């Protein structure tokens, strides 16, 4: 109808409406892509063991992983985040905690360890001691305490 209509005012209004609809659609798609990019930028990419002096000691990359067992490895049982060679190894259980990825988020769970697990949320002053066998969501910038060892979430 638009192309065969001879009324000039209707063609002008139709053209403006088509441009407005096209522009609106492009703007919405642009905003949606930016929102997805921001969510992707906030996703956790690695876990960093921090020394007593605040230096990076070890790093573990989260990309492609869905779970990390944290503790001290033994000949019978390997762990993904090995803390047996750290300064605090006497306070760390063989199977101390587990990190699990589910539905776009990472969660930590204390595996009923002897010295516990804590999480200090970004911007908080104190760490929360976790209840054993309960999953807690972690975010980028949080610090995980495996007994006294500190793991920065990045």
Protein backbone atom coordinates (compact mmCIF):
# COMPACT_ATOMS: atom_id res chain seq x y z
CA UNK A 1 0.00 0.00 0.00
CA UNK A 2 2.78 2.40 0.91
CA UNK A 3 4.55 2.27 -2.45
CA UNK A 4 1.44 2.65 -4.61
CA UNK A 5 -0.15 5.40 -2.51
CA UNK A 6 -0.23 8.70 -4.43
CA UNK A 7 -0.95 10.93 -1.40
CA UNK A 8 2.37 12.69 -0.68
CA UNK A 9 1.56 13.48 2.96
CA UNK A 10 0.82 9.80 3.70
CA UNK A 11 4.10 8.76 2.04
CA UNK A 12 6.04 11.30 4.14
CA UNK A 13 4.35 10.15 7.36
CA UNK A 14 4.94 6.50 6.37
CA UNK A 15 8.62 7.18 5.64
CA UNK A 16 9.08 8.92 8.99
CA UNK A 17 7.30 6.04 10.76
CA UNK A 18 9.55 3.46 9.06
CA UNK A 19 12.69 5.39 10.07
CA UNK A 20 11.40 5.75 13.64
CA UNK A 21 10.64 2.04 13.93
CA UNK A 22 14.02 1.09 12.42
CA UNK A 23 15.89 3.50 14.69
CA UNK A 24 14.01 2.25 17.76
CA UNK A 25 14.79 -1.36 16.93
CA UNK A 26 18.49 -0.60 16.39
CA UNK A 27 18.65 1.36 19.64
CA UNK A 28 17.03 -1.50 21.61
CA UNK A 29 19.43 -4.05 20.08
CA UNK A 30 22.39 -1.79 20.89
CA UNK A 31 21.28 -1.47 24.54
CA UNK A 32 20.71 -5.23 24.78
CA UNK A 33 24.20 -5.99 23.44
CA UNK A 34 25.77 -3.50 25.88
CA UNK A 35 23.88 -5.07 28.80
CA UNK A 36 25.08 -8.55 27.81
CA UNK A 37 28.62 -7.22 27.45
CA UNK A 38 28.50 -5.74 30.98
CA UNK A 39 27.23 -9.02 32.42
CA UNK A 40 30.00 -10.88 30.61
CA UNK A 41 32.60 -8.40 31.90
CA UNK A 42 31.49 -9.05 35.50
CA UNK A 43 31.78 -12.82 35.19
CA UNK A 44 34.41 -14.60 37.25
CA UNK A 45 37.46 -15.51 35.21
CA UNK A 46 40.00 -16.68 37.80
CA UNK A 47 40.76 -17.40 41.42
CA UNK A 48 43.97 -15.93 42.84
CA UNK A 49 45.77 -17.15 45.97
CA UNK A 50 47.08 -14.11 47.85
CA UNK A 51 50.12 -14.35 50.14
CA UNK A 52 50.34 -12.78 53.61
CA UNK A 53 52.11 -9.83 51.95
CA UNK A 54 49.28 -9.31 49.46
CA UNK A 55 51.19 -10.75 46.49
CA UNK A 56 49.78 -13.19 43.96
CA UNK A 57 51.04 -16.68 44.67
CA UNK A 58 48.96 -18.90 42.35
CA UNK A 59 46.09 -18.52 39.89
CA UNK A 60 43.43 -20.89 38.64
CA UNK A 61 41.39 -20.00 35.54
CA UNK A 62 37.64 -20.57 35.64
CA UNK A 63 37.02 -20.56 31.88
CA UNK A 64 35.68 -23.91 30.75
CA UNK A 65 35.45 -25.29 34.29
CA UNK A 66 32.33 -26.06 36.26
CA UNK A 67 33.83 -27.19 39.55
CA UNK A 68 36.98 -26.86 41.65
CA UNK A 69 37.79 -29.02 44.68
CA UNK A 70 39.86 -26.99 47.17
CA UNK A 71 42.17 -28.61 49.69
CA UNK A 72 45.38 -30.60 50.06
CA UNK A 73 46.00 -33.28 47.49
CA UNK A 74 46.93 -36.79 48.53
CA UNK A 75 48.21 -39.70 46.46
CA UNK A 76 44.70 -41.15 46.60
CA UNK A 77 42.81 -37.90 45.88
CA UNK A 78 43.77 -34.95 43.69
CA UNK A 79 42.34 -31.47 44.22
CA UNK A 80 41.89 -28.71 41.65
CA UNK A 81 43.02 -25.85 43.90
CA UNK A 82 46.03 -27.24 45.74
CA UNK A 83 46.78 -25.47 49.02
CA UNK A 84 48.97 -28.15 50.58
CA UNK A 85 52.15 -26.26 49.72
CA UNK A 86 51.03 -22.94 51.22
CA UNK A 87 52.05 -21.35 54.50
CA UNK A 88 48.70 -22.32 56.05
CA UNK A 89 48.67 -25.97 54.95
CA UNK A 90 48.36 -27.27 58.55
CA UNK A 91 44.95 -25.56 58.81
CA UNK A 92 43.57 -26.87 55.52
CA UNK A 93 41.61 -30.11 55.19
CA UNK A 94 42.28 -32.57 52.38
CA UNK A 95 38.83 -31.79 50.93
CA UNK A 96 38.15 -28.37 52.42
CA UNK A 97 35.65 -26.72 50.04
CA UNK A 98 34.22 -26.88 46.56
CA UNK A 99 33.46 -24.19 43.97
CA UNK A 100 30.59 -25.00 41.59
CA UNK A 101 29.35 -23.13 38.52
CA UNK A 102 25.60 -23.23 37.92
CA UNK A 103 23.17 -21.07 35.92
CA UNK A 104 25.80 -18.41 35.21
CA UNK A 105 27.04 -18.03 38.80
CA UNK A 106 29.77 -19.49 40.99
CA UNK A 107 28.96 -20.94 44.42
CA UNK A 108 31.22 -22.08 47.25
CA UNK A 109 30.46 -24.77 49.78
CA UNK A 110 32.36 -25.75 52.93
CA UNK A 111 32.80 -29.53 52.89
CA UNK A 112 32.57 -29.75 56.68
CA UNK A 113 36.20 -28.70 57.04
CA UNK A 114 37.84 -28.48 60.45
CA UNK A 115 38.87 -24.80 60.22
CA UNK A 116 36.01 -23.52 58.07
CA UNK A 117 35.46 -21.31 55.05
CA UNK A 118 34.67 -17.62 55.01
CA UNK A 119 33.62 -15.16 52.32
CA UNK A 120 34.25 -11.44 52.50
CA UNK A 121 31.97 -9.74 50.01
CA UNK A 122 33.44 -6.86 48.02
CA UNK A 123 33.01 -3.64 49.99
CA UNK A 124 32.25 -5.43 53.28
CA UNK A 125 34.43 -5.06 56.36
CA UNK A 126 34.14 -8.59 57.74
CA UNK A 127 34.00 -12.09 56.32
CA UNK A 128 30.99 -14.34 56.77
CA UNK A 129 31.80 -17.80 58.10
CA UNK A 130 29.94 -20.34 55.99
CA UNK A 131 27.80 -23.13 57.36
CA UNK A 132 29.04 -26.55 56.25
CA UNK A 133 27.36 -28.14 53.23
CA UNK A 134 25.44 -24.98 52.25
CA UNK A 135 26.13 -23.26 48.91
CA UNK A 136 26.88 -19.51 48.91
CA UNK A 137 26.99 -17.36 45.78
CA UNK A 138 30.27 -15.55 45.18
CA UNK A 139 30.93 -12.55 42.96
CA UNK A 140 33.88 -10.87 41.32
CA UNK A 141 35.89 -8.99 43.95
CA UNK A 142 34.98 -11.29 46.86
CA UNK A 143 37.68 -12.88 48.99
CA UNK A 144 37.36 -16.54 49.97
CA UNK A 145 39.06 -17.62 53.19
CA UNK A 146 40.06 -21.27 53.21
CA UNK A 147 40.99 -21.41 56.87
CA UNK A 148 43.57 -18.58 56.84
CA UNK A 149 44.48 -18.76 53.14
CA UNK A 150 42.96 -15.97 51.01
CA UNK A 151 41.66 -16.51 47.49
CA UNK A 152 40.65 -13.42 45.53
CA UNK A 153 37.81 -13.89 43.06
CA UNK A 154 38.45 -12.09 39.75
